[in-house]
Protein backbone atom coordinates (compact mmCIF):
# COMPACT_ATOMS: atom_id res chain seq x y z
CA UNK A 1 -9.15 8.12 -12.67
CA UNK A 2 -11.62 5.55 -11.48
CA UNK A 3 -10.40 3.07 -8.89
CA UNK A 4 -10.87 -0.58 -9.84
CA UNK A 5 -9.84 -2.08 -6.50
CA UNK A 6 -7.35 -1.77 -3.67
CA UNK A 7 -5.26 -4.11 -1.55
CA UNK A 8 -4.08 -3.68 2.04
CA UNK A 9 -0.30 -3.92 2.23
CA UNK A 10 0.38 -3.15 5.90
CA UNK A 11 -1.66 -2.14 8.93
CA UNK A 12 -0.66 -0.80 12.34
CA UNK A 13 -2.25 0.49 15.54
CA UNK A 14 -2.11 4.06 16.72
CA UNK A 15 0.75 4.84 19.10
CA UNK A 16 0.01 5.56 22.76
CA UNK A 17 1.08 9.18 22.29
CA UNK A 18 -0.45 11.93 20.15
CA UNK A 19 0.82 11.94 16.57
CA UNK A 20 2.28 15.17 15.22
CA UNK A 21 2.85 13.42 11.90
CA UNK A 22 2.23 9.94 10.57
CA UNK A 23 5.34 7.78 10.61
CA UNK A 24 5.33 4.77 8.29
CA UNK A 25 7.73 2.04 9.40
CA UNK A 26 9.15 1.40 5.93
CA UNK A 27 11.56 -1.36 7.03
CA UNK A 28 8.57 -3.24 8.49
CA UNK A 29 6.53 -2.63 5.33
CA UNK A 30 9.38 -3.93 3.15
CA UNK A 31 9.75 -6.99 5.39
CA UNK A 32 6.00 -7.74 5.36
CA UNK A 33 5.25 -6.97 1.70
CA UNK A 34 8.65 -7.40 0.07
CA UNK A 35 10.95 -4.70 -1.23
CA UNK A 36 10.49 -5.99 -4.77
CA UNK A 37 6.70 -5.43 -4.61
CA UNK A 38 7.05 -1.92 -3.13
CA UNK A 39 9.65 -1.04 -5.79
CA UNK A 40 7.39 -2.43 -8.53
CA UNK A 41 4.41 -0.36 -7.28
CA UNK A 42 6.55 2.78 -7.13
CA UNK A 43 7.72 2.27 -10.73
CA UNK A 44 4.16 2.10 -12.08
CA UNK A 45 2.60 5.23 -13.58
CA UNK A 46 0.29 7.02 -11.13
CA UNK A 47 -2.64 6.53 -13.50
CA UNK A 48 -2.22 2.73 -13.07
CA UNK A 49 -1.73 2.40 -9.31
CA UNK A 50 -0.75 4.41 -6.24
CA UNK A 51 0.22 3.85 -2.63
CA UNK A 52 -2.23 5.48 -0.23
CA UNK A 53 -2.64 5.82 3.50
CA UNK A 54 -6.01 5.04 5.06
CA UNK A 55 -6.96 6.33 8.48
CA UNK A 56 -9.07 3.74 10.27
CA UNK A 57 -10.43 3.66 13.82
CA UNK A 58 -7.48 3.10 16.18
CA UNK A 59 -4.99 2.62 13.37
CA UNK A 60 -3.57 3.28 9.96
CA UNK A 61 -3.05 1.15 6.91
CA UNK A 62 -0.99 1.41 3.77
CA UNK A 63 -2.86 0.32 0.67
CA UNK A 64 -2.25 0.15 -3.04
CA UNK A 65 -5.08 1.46 -5.22
CA UNK A 66 -5.46 0.20 -8.79
CA UNK A 67 -6.89 2.17 -11.69
CA UNK A 68 -5.87 -0.24 -14.46
CA UNK A 69 -6.99 -3.87 -14.77
CA UNK A 70 -3.79 -5.07 -16.45
CA UNK A 71 -1.64 -3.55 -13.69
CA UNK A 72 -3.85 -5.18 -11.05
CA UNK A 73 -3.54 -8.55 -12.82
CA UNK A 74 0.26 -8.15 -12.93
CA UNK A 75 0.27 -7.31 -9.21
CA UNK A 76 -1.84 -10.38 -8.37
CA UNK A 77 0.52 -12.59 -10.38
CA UNK A 78 3.55 -11.11 -8.59
CA UNK A 79 2.02 -11.57 -5.13
CA UNK A 80 0.50 -15.05 -5.67
CA UNK A 81 1.88 -17.54 -3.18
């Protein structure tokens, strides 16, 4: 699969304590992004788009990666404000 593009859904800073595992605050993600968008992404075939976690300096971010132009266009239409 070749990635077409990606979009940042949610970003957070590292906690003040060492992480044994990465904890995603799903209620905060759903509030920020919208449960309907997260559900829509999760229902798409993996070859069209996927949720991914990026490790960035001093933080983490949840992104959606797109591998299909039509799926990306649908996403942009759903998230247009």
